[in-house]
């Protein structure tokens, strides 16, 4: 009976995968440009539901492949979800979105956001994914996600606040490089977040400086 309620089936017996049974990106809808941070995105564990004030990713779509209908086409991989979550939570994207939003952060704004097209074959993709996984995969519900991105399990996730702050700063510094920002440009963007603790902003700027040799001559956004 449970299968009849929660799993729809095609006539040929193929089961349709439902979004809530997968890891999903989710972000806060109610926000403002004057908040400490306007964009707050995460990855939800499986079998979790949210109210309408949390916008959720569409995990699956219907596609035709080799002449056959595939109702379970996964739009992006779980590793790519971690990458997108990192970019969307960055100071860079937050500052970009603040120019347009008022009281709600709608998909309209998300779809219009420029995101560097990194894949698993690109330099630095795995470094970003690994750091994001350590921040998100901190409970047993995320063990499969951790395994998929070679983190191991939630036991390799980071819960110490000092180390988490360091990881977040490193991710912000890396994302700033992906967008090709100079140190002066990134420094200015950080000044547009007056409520954010100065220590947090200085840590992000210092991380940017540390990654200069790694991202030298990188051209991603132009793809």
Protein backbone atom coordinates (compact mmCIF):
# COMPACT_ATOMS: atom_id res chain seq x y z
CA UNK A 1 0.00 0.00 0.00
CA UNK A 2 2.87 2.39 0.81
CA UNK A 3 4.21 1.94 -2.70
CA UNK A 4 0.84 2.85 -4.16
CA UNK A 5 0.81 6.06 -2.15
CA UNK A 6 4.34 7.28 -2.62
CA UNK A 7 5.62 5.70 -5.85
CA UNK A 8 4.01 6.34 -9.21
CA UNK A 9 4.66 3.75 -11.93
CA UNK A 10 4.78 3.89 -15.68
CA UNK A 11 2.85 1.40 -17.73
CA UNK A 12 6.00 -0.60 -18.45
CA UNK A 13 6.76 -1.01 -14.76
CA UNK A 14 9.44 1.69 -14.48
CA UNK A 15 9.20 3.45 -11.14
CA UNK A 16 9.30 7.24 -11.01
CA UNK A 17 11.89 8.64 -8.61
CA UNK A 18 10.46 11.28 -6.32
CA UNK A 19 12.49 14.34 -5.35
CA UNK A 20 12.05 13.99 -1.60
CA UNK A 21 13.80 10.62 -1.66
CA UNK A 22 17.01 12.29 -2.86
CA UNK A 23 19.38 14.94 -1.55
CA UNK A 24 17.99 18.34 -2.54
CA UNK A 25 19.21 21.91 -2.66
CA UNK A 26 17.06 24.24 -0.60
CA UNK A 27 17.22 27.97 0.03
CA UNK A 28 15.42 30.52 2.17
CA UNK A 29 12.70 32.43 0.35
CA UNK A 30 11.90 35.17 2.86
CA UNK A 31 14.89 37.51 3.04
CA UNK A 32 16.03 41.08 2.44
CA UNK A 33 19.01 42.96 1.09
CA UNK A 34 19.55 44.44 4.56
CA UNK A 35 19.91 41.08 6.31
CA UNK A 36 23.28 39.89 7.56
CA UNK A 37 23.18 37.43 4.67
CA UNK A 38 20.47 37.38 2.01
CA UNK A 39 21.12 34.00 0.41
CA UNK A 40 21.10 30.94 2.68
CA UNK A 41 21.27 27.63 0.81
CA UNK A 42 21.95 24.08 1.97
CA UNK A 43 21.44 20.46 0.96
CA UNK A 44 18.61 18.61 2.67
CA UNK A 45 18.87 14.96 3.70
CA UNK A 46 16.50 12.47 2.12
CA UNK A 47 12.86 12.22 3.23
CA UNK A 48 12.73 15.78 4.55
CA UNK A 49 9.92 18.21 3.76
CA UNK A 50 9.81 22.00 4.07
CA UNK A 51 7.17 24.74 4.25
CA UNK A 52 6.52 26.99 1.27
CA UNK A 53 9.00 29.59 2.57
CA UNK A 54 11.85 27.23 1.63
CA UNK A 55 12.39 26.79 -2.10
CA UNK A 56 13.44 23.32 -3.25
CA UNK A 57 15.41 21.98 -6.17
CA UNK A 58 13.74 19.90 -8.83
CA UNK A 59 15.92 16.78 -8.78
CA UNK A 60 14.45 14.80 -11.69
CA UNK A 61 13.06 15.63 -15.11
CA UNK A 62 11.54 13.64 -17.97
CA UNK A 63 13.86 13.20 -20.96
CA UNK A 64 13.89 11.08 -24.10
CA UNK A 65 17.04 8.95 -24.37
CA UNK A 66 17.68 6.53 -27.23
CA UNK A 67 14.05 6.76 -28.25
CA UNK A 68 12.80 5.86 -24.79
CA UNK A 69 11.15 8.01 -22.14
CA UNK A 70 13.31 8.42 -19.04
CA UNK A 71 11.27 9.92 -16.17
CA UNK A 72 14.23 9.75 -13.77
CA UNK A 73 16.76 11.98 -15.50
CA UNK A 74 18.84 13.59 -12.73
CA UNK A 75 19.51 17.20 -13.70
CA UNK A 76 22.74 17.59 -11.71
CA UNK A 77 24.93 15.24 -9.71
CA UNK A 78 25.25 15.39 -5.95
CA UNK A 79 28.81 16.67 -6.30
CA UNK A 80 27.49 19.49 -8.47
CA UNK A 81 24.90 20.26 -5.80
CA UNK A 82 27.70 20.80 -3.30
CA UNK A 83 29.49 23.03 -5.78
CA UNK A 84 26.39 25.10 -6.52
CA UNK A 85 25.60 25.37 -2.80
CA UNK A 86 29.08 26.79 -2.25
CA UNK A 87 28.79 29.37 -5.01
CA UNK A 88 25.30 30.48 -3.99
CA UNK A 89 26.35 30.92 -0.35
CA UNK A 90 29.35 33.04 -1.27
CA UNK A 91 29.72 36.75 -0.55
CA UNK A 92 30.01 37.27 -4.31
CA UNK A 93 26.58 35.89 -5.18
CA UNK A 94 24.99 37.37 -2.07
CA UNK A 95 26.16 40.82 -3.14
CA UNK A 96 24.93 40.17 -6.69
CA UNK A 97 21.45 39.16 -5.51
CA UNK A 98 21.14 42.06 -3.07
CA UNK A 99 20.96 44.45 -6.00
CA UNK A 100 17.58 43.03 -7.04
CA UNK A 101 15.71 41.40 -4.16
CA UNK A 102 13.32 43.04 -1.72
CA UNK A 103 11.52 40.67 0.65
CA UNK A 104 11.67 37.39 -1.28
CA UNK A 105 14.36 35.43 -3.07
CA UNK A 106 12.56 33.75 -5.95
CA UNK A 107 13.74 31.23 -8.54
CA UNK A 108 13.54 34.07 -11.05
CA UNK A 109 16.63 35.60 -9.44
CA UNK A 110 18.39 32.25 -9.05
CA UNK A 111 18.00 31.35 -12.73
CA UNK A 112 19.46 34.74 -13.72
CA UNK A 113 22.57 34.26 -11.56
CA UNK A 114 25.84 33.69 -13.47
CA UNK A 115 27.65 30.61 -12.15
CA UNK A 116 31.11 29.45 -13.31
CA UNK A 117 30.65 26.16 -15.14
CA UNK A 118 33.04 23.92 -13.27
CA UNK A 119 32.76 20.15 -13.58
CA UNK A 120 34.59 17.22 -12.02
CA UNK A 121 37.19 17.56 -14.78
CA UNK A 122 38.02 21.14 -13.88
CA UNK A 123 40.82 22.19 -11.61
CA UNK A 124 39.68 23.09 -8.08
CA UNK A 125 36.22 21.48 -8.44
CA UNK A 126 37.04 18.63 -6.09
CA UNK A 127 38.71 20.96 -3.58
CA UNK A 128 35.52 23.01 -3.39
CA UNK A 129 33.26 19.95 -3.19
CA UNK A 130 35.34 18.36 -0.42
CA UNK A 131 35.22 21.50 1.72
CA UNK A 132 31.48 21.89 1.19
CA UNK A 133 30.90 18.23 2.06
CA UNK A 134 32.79 18.65 5.33
CA UNK A 135 30.44 21.49 6.26
CA UNK A 136 27.21 19.73 5.27
CA UNK A 137 27.86 16.03 5.94
CA UNK A 138 27.95 16.12 9.74
CA UNK A 139 25.16 13.62 10.59
CA UNK A 140 24.48 9.99 9.57
CA UNK A 141 21.73 11.12 7.15
CA UNK A 142 24.48 12.42 4.87
CA UNK A 143 26.67 9.30 4.87
CA UNK A 144 25.73 8.30 1.30
CA UNK A 145 26.45 11.80 0.05
CA UNK A 146 29.81 11.78 1.85
CA UNK A 147 30.68 8.41 0.30
CA UNK A 148 29.71 9.60 -3.17
CA UNK A 149 32.15 12.51 -3.04
CA UNK A 150 34.91 10.40 -1.42
CA UNK A 151 34.64 12.04 1.98
CA UNK A 152 33.95 8.72 3.71
CA UNK A 153 31.12 9.38 6.15
CA UNK A 154 29.71 12.06 8.41
CA UNK A 155 32.54 11.28 10.83
CA UNK A 156 34.84 13.15 8.46
CA UNK A 157 32.49 16.13 8.57
CA UNK A 158 33.57 19.17 10.57
CA UNK A 159 31.60 20.35 13.60
CA UNK A 160 34.24 22.42 15.36
CA UNK A 161 33.19 26.04 14.91
CA UNK A 162 36.72 27.35 14.41
CA UNK A 163 37.47 24.82 11.69
CA UNK A 164 34.07 25.41 10.06
CA UNK A 165 34.77 29.14 9.94
CA UNK A 166 38.12 28.41 8.28
CA UNK A 167 36.46 26.22 5.64
CA UNK A 168 33.82 28.86 4.90
CA UNK A 169 36.50 31.53 4.52
CA UNK A 170 38.47 29.31 2.14
CA UNK A 171 35.39 28.68 0.03
CA UNK A 172 34.62 32.39 -0.17
CA UNK A 173 38.19 33.09 -1.22
CA UNK A 174 38.07 30.36 -3.87
CA UNK A 175 34.76 31.55 -5.31
CA UNK A 176 36.08 35.11 -5.56
CA UNK A 177 38.91 33.76 -7.71
CA UNK A 178 36.49 31.79 -9.89
CA UNK A 179 34.80 35.08 -10.79
CA UNK A 180 38.15 36.65 -11.61
CA UNK A 181 37.95 39.35 -8.95
CA UNK A 182 40.98 41.35 -7.88
CA UNK A 183 41.78 41.72 -4.21
CA UNK A 184 40.49 45.31 -4.25
CA UNK A 185 37.22 44.23 -5.87
CA UNK A 186 36.67 41.43 -3.37
CA UNK A 187 37.58 43.73 -0.50
CA UNK A 188 34.98 46.26 -1.66
CA UNK A 189 32.27 43.59 -1.90
CA UNK A 190 32.98 42.58 1.69
CA UNK A 191 32.39 46.18 2.81
CA UNK A 192 28.81 45.92 1.53
CA UNK A 193 28.03 43.49 4.38
CA UNK A 194 28.11 45.87 7.37
CA UNK A 195 26.43 43.46 9.80
CA UNK A 196 28.82 40.57 9.14
CA UNK A 197 31.55 40.29 11.77
CA UNK A 198 34.79 41.95 10.63
CA UNK A 199 36.74 38.80 11.63
CA UNK A 200 34.68 36.75 9.15
CA UNK A 201 35.33 39.22 6.32
CA UNK A 202 39.04 39.48 7.06
CA UNK A 203 39.33 35.68 7.10
CA UNK A 204 37.69 35.50 3.66
CA UNK A 205 40.05 38.16 2.31
CA UNK A 206 43.09 36.41 3.77
CA UNK A 207 41.94 33.13 2.20
CA UNK A 208 41.66 34.93 -1.14
CA UNK A 209 45.28 36.06 -0.82
CA UNK A 210 46.44 32.55 0.06
CA UNK A 211 44.80 31.10 -3.06
CA UNK A 212 46.33 33.58 -5.50
CA UNK A 213 49.07 31.11 -6.65
CA UNK A 214 46.50 28.31 -7.09
CA UNK A 215 44.11 30.31 -9.25
CA UNK A 216 46.67 32.22 -11.28
CA UNK A 217 45.69 32.47 -14.96
CA UNK A 218 42.40 30.65 -14.30
CA UNK A 219 39.68 31.36 -16.88
CA UNK A 220 36.36 29.84 -15.92
CA UNK A 221 33.55 32.38 -16.09
CA UNK A 222 34.14 33.08 -19.77
CA UNK A 223 33.13 29.54 -20.76
